[in-house]
Amino acid sequence: MSDNGYLAGSNLERALRAGHFAVTAELGPPQSADGEVIRKKAALLRGYCDAVNITDNQTAIVRMSSIGAGAIVLQEGLEP
């Protein structure tokens, strides 16, 4: 339980509370607004990780918004 008494209810939280080894992965957004790139990357990670970290302004190059990429990742069944 967090300091405020609430549970996040995420896959990551459940894995950690159960004492399991939690797996996270990093997903870098493309240098375009093509959501299909994120969908393909999410498909590769689905079933293998508890949560996904979406990088922001990776290598100081303009890329798809990490918030937009997170929305697509959610649609694909992963937790950003």
N, C-alpha and C. Protein backbone atom coordinates (compact mmCIF):
# COMPACT_ATOMS: atom_id res chain seq x y z
N MET A 1 0.85 -1.18 0.00
CA MET A 1 0.00 0.00 0.00
C MET A 1 0.89 1.24 0.00
N SER A 2 0.50 2.22 -0.75
CA SER A 2 1.29 3.45 -0.83
C SER A 2 1.09 4.30 0.43
N ASP A 3 1.82 5.39 0.51
CA ASP A 3 1.74 6.28 1.67
C ASP A 3 0.34 6.84 1.88
N ASN A 4 -0.42 7.00 0.78
CA ASN A 4 -1.76 7.58 0.91
C ASN A 4 -2.82 6.52 1.17
N GLY A 5 -2.43 5.24 1.27
CA GLY A 5 -3.37 4.18 1.59
C GLY A 5 -4.07 3.57 0.40
N TYR A 6 -3.70 3.95 -0.81
CA TYR A 6 -4.35 3.43 -2.01
C TYR A 6 -3.43 2.46 -2.76
N LEU A 7 -4.04 1.52 -3.42
CA LEU A 7 -3.31 0.60 -4.27
C LEU A 7 -3.41 1.07 -5.72
N ALA A 8 -2.34 0.91 -6.48
CA ALA A 8 -2.38 1.31 -7.88
C ALA A 8 -3.13 0.28 -8.71
N GLY A 9 -3.05 -1.00 -8.33
CA GLY A 9 -3.76 -2.04 -9.05
C GLY A 9 -3.10 -2.44 -10.36
N SER A 10 -1.85 -2.08 -10.55
CA SER A 10 -1.16 -2.40 -11.80
C SER A 10 -0.55 -3.79 -11.75
N ASN A 11 -0.20 -4.31 -12.92
CA ASN A 11 0.50 -5.60 -12.99
C ASN A 11 1.82 -5.53 -12.24
N LEU A 12 2.52 -4.42 -12.37
CA LEU A 12 3.81 -4.26 -11.70
C LEU A 12 3.63 -4.32 -10.18
N GLU A 13 2.64 -3.61 -9.67
CA GLU A 13 2.40 -3.61 -8.23
C GLU A 13 2.05 -5.02 -7.74
N ARG A 14 1.20 -5.72 -8.48
CA ARG A 14 0.82 -7.08 -8.07
C ARG A 14 2.03 -8.01 -8.04
N ALA A 15 2.89 -7.91 -9.04
CA ALA A 15 4.08 -8.76 -9.08
C ALA A 15 5.00 -8.47 -7.90
N LEU A 16 5.21 -7.20 -7.61
CA LEU A 16 6.09 -6.82 -6.50
C LEU A 16 5.51 -7.23 -5.15
N ARG A 17 4.21 -7.02 -4.97
CA ARG A 17 3.57 -7.39 -3.70
C ARG A 17 3.59 -8.89 -3.46
N ALA A 18 3.53 -9.65 -4.54
CA ALA A 18 3.55 -11.11 -4.43
C ALA A 18 4.98 -11.64 -4.24
N GLY A 19 5.97 -10.75 -4.32
CA GLY A 19 7.35 -11.17 -4.16
C GLY A 19 7.95 -11.80 -5.40
N HIS A 20 7.29 -11.62 -6.53
CA HIS A 20 7.79 -12.17 -7.78
C HIS A 20 8.87 -11.27 -8.38
N PHE A 21 9.66 -11.84 -9.24
CA PHE A 21 10.65 -11.06 -9.99
C PHE A 21 9.88 -10.28 -11.05
N ALA A 22 9.90 -8.97 -10.95
CA ALA A 22 9.16 -8.13 -11.90
C ALA A 22 10.04 -7.78 -13.09
N VAL A 23 9.44 -7.83 -14.26
CA VAL A 23 10.16 -7.52 -15.50
C VAL A 23 9.56 -6.27 -16.12
N THR A 24 10.41 -5.29 -16.39
CA THR A 24 9.97 -4.10 -17.12
C THR A 24 10.80 -4.00 -18.40
N ALA A 25 10.28 -3.29 -19.36
CA ALA A 25 10.97 -3.12 -20.63
C ALA A 25 10.89 -1.65 -21.04
N GLU A 26 11.85 -1.24 -21.84
CA GLU A 26 11.87 0.13 -22.34
C GLU A 26 11.45 0.13 -23.80
N LEU A 27 10.56 1.05 -24.13
CA LEU A 27 10.06 1.15 -25.50
C LEU A 27 10.32 2.57 -25.99
N GLY A 28 11.09 2.69 -27.05
CA GLY A 28 11.41 4.01 -27.62
C GLY A 28 10.45 4.37 -28.74
N PRO A 29 9.78 5.51 -28.64
CA PRO A 29 8.87 5.94 -29.71
C PRO A 29 9.62 6.22 -31.01
N PRO A 30 8.94 6.11 -32.14
CA PRO A 30 9.58 6.36 -33.43
C PRO A 30 9.81 7.86 -33.67
N GLN A 31 10.60 8.16 -34.67
CA GLN A 31 10.85 9.55 -35.07
C GLN A 31 9.77 10.04 -36.03
N SER A 32 8.59 9.51 -35.87
CA SER A 32 7.44 9.91 -36.68
C SER A 32 6.19 9.76 -35.82
N ALA A 33 5.05 10.04 -36.40
CA ALA A 33 3.78 9.89 -35.69
C ALA A 33 3.10 8.57 -36.04
N ASP A 34 3.85 7.64 -36.61
CA ASP A 34 3.29 6.36 -37.05
C ASP A 34 3.05 5.43 -35.86
N GLY A 35 1.80 5.30 -35.46
CA GLY A 35 1.43 4.46 -34.33
C GLY A 35 1.67 2.98 -34.57
N GLU A 36 1.76 2.58 -35.83
CA GLU A 36 1.98 1.16 -36.15
C GLU A 36 3.33 0.68 -35.62
N VAL A 37 4.30 1.56 -35.57
CA VAL A 37 5.62 1.21 -35.03
C VAL A 37 5.49 0.81 -33.57
N ILE A 38 4.73 1.59 -32.81
CA ILE A 38 4.51 1.29 -31.39
C ILE A 38 3.74 -0.01 -31.25
N ARG A 39 2.73 -0.22 -32.08
CA ARG A 39 1.95 -1.46 -32.01
C ARG A 39 2.83 -2.69 -32.24
N LYS A 40 3.74 -2.62 -33.20
CA LYS A 40 4.63 -3.75 -33.48
C LYS A 40 5.58 -4.00 -32.30
N LYS A 41 6.11 -2.94 -31.73
CA LYS A 41 7.00 -3.09 -30.57
C LYS A 41 6.23 -3.66 -29.38
N ALA A 42 5.00 -3.19 -29.17
CA ALA A 42 4.18 -3.69 -28.07
C ALA A 42 3.87 -5.17 -28.25
N ALA A 43 3.62 -5.59 -29.47
CA ALA A 43 3.33 -7.00 -29.74
C ALA A 43 4.52 -7.88 -29.37
N LEU A 44 5.73 -7.38 -29.57
CA LEU A 44 6.93 -8.14 -29.21
C LEU A 44 7.07 -8.30 -27.70
N LEU A 45 6.60 -7.31 -26.94
CA LEU A 45 6.74 -7.32 -25.48
C LEU A 45 5.58 -7.98 -24.75
N ARG A 46 4.41 -8.03 -25.39
CA ARG A 46 3.20 -8.55 -24.73
C ARG A 46 3.44 -9.96 -24.21
N GLY A 47 3.12 -10.16 -22.93
CA GLY A 47 3.27 -11.46 -22.31
C GLY A 47 4.64 -11.71 -21.68
N TYR A 48 5.57 -10.77 -21.88
CA TYR A 48 6.92 -10.95 -21.36
C TYR A 48 7.31 -9.96 -20.27
N CYS A 49 6.53 -8.90 -20.08
CA CYS A 49 6.90 -7.91 -19.07
C CYS A 49 5.67 -7.47 -18.28
N ASP A 50 5.95 -6.96 -17.08
CA ASP A 50 4.89 -6.50 -16.19
C ASP A 50 4.53 -5.04 -16.44
N ALA A 51 5.46 -4.27 -16.95
CA ALA A 51 5.22 -2.85 -17.24
C ALA A 51 6.22 -2.38 -18.29
N VAL A 52 5.89 -1.28 -18.95
CA VAL A 52 6.73 -0.74 -20.02
C VAL A 52 7.06 0.72 -19.70
N ASN A 53 8.32 1.06 -19.82
CA ASN A 53 8.77 2.44 -19.70
C ASN A 53 8.89 3.02 -21.11
N ILE A 54 8.22 4.12 -21.35
CA ILE A 54 8.29 4.76 -22.67
C ILE A 54 9.20 5.97 -22.54
N THR A 55 10.27 5.96 -23.31
CA THR A 55 11.25 7.03 -23.21
C THR A 55 10.69 8.34 -23.76
N ASP A 56 11.27 9.44 -23.29
CA ASP A 56 10.84 10.77 -23.71
C ASP A 56 12.03 11.52 -24.29
N ASN A 57 11.94 11.93 -25.54
CA ASN A 57 13.00 12.68 -26.21
C ASN A 57 14.31 11.89 -26.22
N GLN A 58 14.20 10.63 -26.54
CA GLN A 58 15.34 9.71 -26.57
C GLN A 58 16.44 10.23 -27.50
N THR A 59 17.67 10.20 -27.05
CA THR A 59 18.86 10.68 -27.77
C THR A 59 18.72 12.12 -28.27
N ALA A 60 17.91 12.92 -27.59
CA ALA A 60 17.71 14.34 -27.92
C ALA A 60 17.24 14.55 -29.35
N ILE A 61 16.45 13.60 -29.85
CA ILE A 61 15.86 13.70 -31.18
C ILE A 61 14.35 13.71 -31.03
N VAL A 62 13.68 14.60 -31.74
CA VAL A 62 12.22 14.69 -31.66
C VAL A 62 11.59 13.37 -32.10
N ARG A 63 10.69 12.89 -31.27
CA ARG A 63 10.00 11.63 -31.53
C ARG A 63 8.52 11.77 -31.19
N MET A 64 7.78 10.70 -31.44
CA MET A 64 6.37 10.67 -31.06
C MET A 64 6.25 10.97 -29.56
N SER A 65 5.23 11.66 -29.17
CA SER A 65 4.97 11.97 -27.77
C SER A 65 4.91 10.69 -26.95
N SER A 66 5.57 10.69 -25.79
CA SER A 66 5.53 9.51 -24.93
C SER A 66 4.12 9.30 -24.38
N ILE A 67 3.34 10.36 -24.24
CA ILE A 67 1.96 10.22 -23.78
C ILE A 67 1.12 9.55 -24.86
N GLY A 68 1.29 9.99 -26.10
CA GLY A 68 0.58 9.35 -27.21
C GLY A 68 0.98 7.90 -27.37
N ALA A 69 2.28 7.63 -27.25
CA ALA A 69 2.77 6.25 -27.34
C ALA A 69 2.19 5.41 -26.21
N GLY A 70 2.08 6.01 -25.02
CA GLY A 70 1.50 5.30 -23.88
C GLY A 70 0.05 4.93 -24.11
N ALA A 71 -0.70 5.80 -24.76
CA ALA A 71 -2.10 5.50 -25.08
C ALA A 71 -2.19 4.30 -26.02
N ILE A 72 -1.30 4.25 -27.00
CA ILE A 72 -1.29 3.12 -27.93
C ILE A 72 -0.89 1.84 -27.21
N VAL A 73 0.11 1.94 -26.34
CA VAL A 73 0.56 0.77 -25.58
C VAL A 73 -0.58 0.22 -24.73
N LEU A 74 -1.36 1.10 -24.12
CA LEU A 74 -2.53 0.66 -23.35
C LEU A 74 -3.53 -0.08 -24.23
N GLN A 75 -3.78 0.44 -25.42
CA GLN A 75 -4.69 -0.22 -26.36
C GLN A 75 -4.19 -1.61 -26.74
N GLU A 76 -2.89 -1.78 -26.72
CA GLU A 76 -2.28 -3.06 -27.11
C GLU A 76 -2.15 -4.02 -25.93
N GLY A 77 -2.66 -3.63 -24.76
CA GLY A 77 -2.70 -4.54 -23.62
C GLY A 77 -1.50 -4.52 -22.70
N LEU A 78 -0.65 -3.50 -22.82
CA LEU A 78 0.50 -3.37 -21.92
C LEU A 78 0.27 -2.19 -20.99
N GLU A 79 1.00 -2.17 -19.88
CA GLU A 79 0.88 -1.07 -18.92
C GLU A 79 2.11 -0.18 -18.98
N PRO A 80 1.92 1.08 -19.42
CA PRO A 80 3.07 2.00 -19.42
C PRO A 80 3.36 2.50 -18.01
